[in-house]
């Protein structure tokens, strides 16, 4: 059986948690995870960099079966909300880490 491919979505304030969650859902659920965390963020991306990262993140969603939303404490920021809407519009499953939505 082909593993479900999921793209992790969530606020970069949860970058450490997203890395841990990605590993856990690979091991526990057998998901093939596409991460959006690149080590540490020491600086806020410039507008042009943000536009590039946003476009590439949507491409990751396009090739995924689902997105996995890291919504710790129920927090979902504007960018993540936009990614959820994009995923829904393109027929992708949306899985929430915390079931409080």
C-alpha atoms as a PDB file:
ATOM      1  CA  UNK A   1       0.000   0.000   0.000  1.00  0.00           C
ATOM      2  CA  UNK A   2       1.327   3.424  -0.980  1.00  0.00           C
ATOM      3  CA  UNK A   3       1.974   5.707   2.010  1.00  0.00           C
ATOM      4  CA  UNK A   4      -0.049   8.894   2.335  1.00  0.00           C
ATOM      5  CA  UNK A   5       2.087  11.911   1.390  1.00  0.00           C
ATOM      6  CA  UNK A   6       1.472  14.873   3.686  1.00  0.00           C
ATOM      7  CA  UNK A   7       2.864  18.384   3.821  1.00  0.00           C
ATOM      8  CA  UNK A   8       3.333  19.857   7.278  1.00  0.00           C
ATOM      9  CA  UNK A   9       1.681  23.269   7.704  1.00  0.00           C
ATOM     10  CA  UNK A  10       1.886  25.527  10.731  1.00  0.00           C
ATOM     11  CA  UNK A  11       3.370  28.589  12.295  1.00  0.00           C
ATOM     12  CA  UNK A  12       7.159  28.791  12.359  1.00  0.00           C
ATOM     13  CA  UNK A  13       6.819  29.540  16.060  1.00  0.00           C
ATOM     14  CA  UNK A  14       6.230  25.773  16.272  1.00  0.00           C
ATOM     15  CA  UNK A  15       9.250  24.860  14.105  1.00  0.00           C
ATOM     16  CA  UNK A  16      10.802  22.580  16.722  1.00  0.00           C
ATOM     17  CA  UNK A  17       7.495  20.866  17.411  1.00  0.00           C
ATOM     18  CA  UNK A  18       6.829  20.455  13.675  1.00  0.00           C
ATOM     19  CA  UNK A  19      10.110  18.607  13.228  1.00  0.00           C
ATOM     20  CA  UNK A  20       9.283  16.277  16.126  1.00  0.00           C
ATOM     21  CA  UNK A  21       5.715  15.764  14.909  1.00  0.00           C
ATOM     22  CA  UNK A  22       6.907  15.026  11.362  1.00  0.00           C
ATOM     23  CA  UNK A  23       9.138  12.236  12.636  1.00  0.00           C
ATOM     24  CA  UNK A  24       6.413  10.879  14.905  1.00  0.00           C
ATOM     25  CA  UNK A  25       3.745  10.688  12.200  1.00  0.00           C
ATOM     26  CA  UNK A  26       6.208   9.024   9.838  1.00  0.00           C
ATOM     27  CA  UNK A  27       6.988   6.361  12.438  1.00  0.00           C
ATOM     28  CA  UNK A  28       3.506   5.985  13.950  1.00  0.00           C
ATOM     29  CA  UNK A  29       1.201   6.549  10.982  1.00  0.00           C
ATOM     30  CA  UNK A  30       3.490   5.641   8.088  1.00  0.00           C
ATOM     31  CA  UNK A  31       2.999   9.013   6.394  1.00  0.00           C
ATOM     32  CA  UNK A  32       5.614  10.267   3.935  1.00  0.00           C
ATOM     33  CA  UNK A  33       6.123  13.780   5.274  1.00  0.00           C
ATOM     34  CA  UNK A  34       7.180  16.843   3.288  1.00  0.00           C
ATOM     35  CA  UNK A  35       8.499  19.321   5.827  1.00  0.00           C
ATOM     36  CA  UNK A  36       8.543  23.091   5.576  1.00  0.00           C
ATOM     37  CA  UNK A  37      11.120  23.708   8.296  1.00  0.00           C
ATOM     38  CA  UNK A  38      14.672  24.324   7.168  1.00  0.00           C
ATOM     39  CA  UNK A  39      16.807  24.159  10.301  1.00  0.00           C
ATOM     40  CA  UNK A  40      16.512  27.361  12.272  1.00  0.00           C
ATOM     41  CA  UNK A  41      15.154  30.702  11.241  1.00  0.00           C
ATOM     42  CA  UNK A  42      17.518  33.352  12.536  1.00  0.00           C
ATOM     43  CA  UNK A  43      15.927  36.055  10.447  1.00  0.00           C
ATOM     44  CA  UNK A  44      12.532  36.837   9.055  1.00  0.00           C
ATOM     45  CA  UNK A  45      12.412  36.157   5.296  1.00  0.00           C
ATOM     46  CA  UNK A  46      12.361  39.225   3.082  1.00  0.00           C
ATOM     47  CA  UNK A  47       9.164  39.836   1.131  1.00  0.00           C
ATOM     48  CA  UNK A  48      10.589  38.307  -2.065  1.00  0.00           C
ATOM     49  CA  UNK A  49      11.903  35.280  -0.148  1.00  0.00           C
ATOM     50  CA  UNK A  50       8.513  34.851   1.517  1.00  0.00           C
ATOM     51  CA  UNK A  51       6.799  34.920  -1.895  1.00  0.00           C
ATOM     52  CA  UNK A  52       9.167  32.230  -3.193  1.00  0.00           C
ATOM     53  CA  UNK A  53       8.707  30.047  -0.098  1.00  0.00           C
ATOM     54  CA  UNK A  54       4.922  30.458  -0.290  1.00  0.00           C
ATOM     55  CA  UNK A  55       4.865  29.409  -3.958  1.00  0.00           C
ATOM     56  CA  UNK A  56       7.076  26.399  -3.252  1.00  0.00           C
ATOM     57  CA  UNK A  57       4.986  25.419  -0.228  1.00  0.00           C
ATOM     58  CA  UNK A  58       1.857  25.394  -2.399  1.00  0.00           C
ATOM     59  CA  UNK A  59       3.699  23.174  -4.899  1.00  0.00           C
ATOM     60  CA  UNK A  60       4.391  20.785  -2.020  1.00  0.00           C
ATOM     61  CA  UNK A  61       0.678  20.788  -1.199  1.00  0.00           C
ATOM     62  CA  UNK A  62      -0.087  20.074  -4.869  1.00  0.00           C
ATOM     63  CA  UNK A  63       1.979  16.866  -4.828  1.00  0.00           C
ATOM     64  CA  UNK A  64       0.628  15.755  -1.438  1.00  0.00           C
ATOM     65  CA  UNK A  65      -2.418  13.681  -0.622  1.00  0.00           C
ATOM     66  CA  UNK A  66      -3.090  15.807   2.456  1.00  0.00           C
ATOM     67  CA  UNK A  67      -1.798  18.563   4.685  1.00  0.00           C
ATOM     68  CA  UNK A  68      -1.047  18.015   8.351  1.00  0.00           C
ATOM     69  CA  UNK A  69      -1.800  21.191  10.312  1.00  0.00           C
ATOM     70  CA  UNK A  70       0.230  21.714  13.474  1.00  0.00           C
ATOM     71  CA  UNK A  71      -2.253  23.742  15.504  1.00  0.00           C
ATOM     72  CA  UNK A  72      -0.797  23.628  19.003  1.00  0.00           C
ATOM     73  CA  UNK A  73      -3.163  25.196  21.509  1.00  0.00           C
ATOM     74  CA  UNK A  74      -5.584  25.752  18.630  1.00  0.00           C
ATOM     75  CA  UNK A  75      -3.324  28.397  17.061  1.00  0.00           C
ATOM     76  CA  UNK A  76      -3.619  28.805  13.298  1.00  0.00           C
ATOM     77  CA  UNK A  77      -2.038  31.911  11.777  1.00  0.00           C
ATOM     78  CA  UNK A  78      -3.050  33.716   8.610  1.00  0.00           C
ATOM     79  CA  UNK A  79      -0.529  31.920   6.369  1.00  0.00           C
ATOM     80  CA  UNK A  80      -1.622  28.521   7.633  1.00  0.00           C
ATOM     81  CA  UNK A  81      -5.297  29.455   7.175  1.00  0.00           C
ATOM     82  CA  UNK A  82      -4.477  30.360   3.589  1.00  0.00           C
ATOM     83  CA  UNK A  83      -2.734  27.000   3.104  1.00  0.00           C
ATOM     84  CA  UNK A  84      -5.777  25.177   4.527  1.00  0.00           C
ATOM     85  CA  UNK A  85      -8.069  26.969   2.094  1.00  0.00           C
ATOM     86  CA  UNK A  86      -5.689  26.234  -0.779  1.00  0.00           C
ATOM     87  CA  UNK A  87      -5.578  22.552   0.151  1.00  0.00           C
ATOM     88  CA  UNK A  88      -9.381  22.314   0.424  1.00  0.00           C
ATOM     89  CA  UNK A  89      -9.829  24.110  -2.908  1.00  0.00           C
ATOM     90  CA  UNK A  90      -7.551  21.524  -4.525  1.00  0.00           C
ATOM     91  CA  UNK A  91      -9.306  18.521  -2.982  1.00  0.00           C
ATOM     92  CA  UNK A  92      -6.636  17.702  -0.396  1.00  0.00           C
ATOM     93  CA  UNK A  93      -7.438  16.118   2.940  1.00  0.00           C
ATOM     94  CA  UNK A  94      -6.789  18.389   5.928  1.00  0.00           C
ATOM     95  CA  UNK A  95      -5.595  16.656   9.093  1.00  0.00           C
ATOM     96  CA  UNK A  96      -5.284  18.638  12.316  1.00  0.00           C
ATOM     97  CA  UNK A  97      -2.710  17.746  14.966  1.00  0.00           C
ATOM     98  CA  UNK A  98      -5.047  18.871  17.744  1.00  0.00           C
ATOM     99  CA  UNK A  99      -8.723  18.163  17.343  1.00  0.00           C
ATOM    100  CA  UNK A 100      -9.974  21.496  18.638  1.00  0.00           C
ATOM    101  CA  UNK A 101     -11.193  23.192  15.466  1.00  0.00           C
END
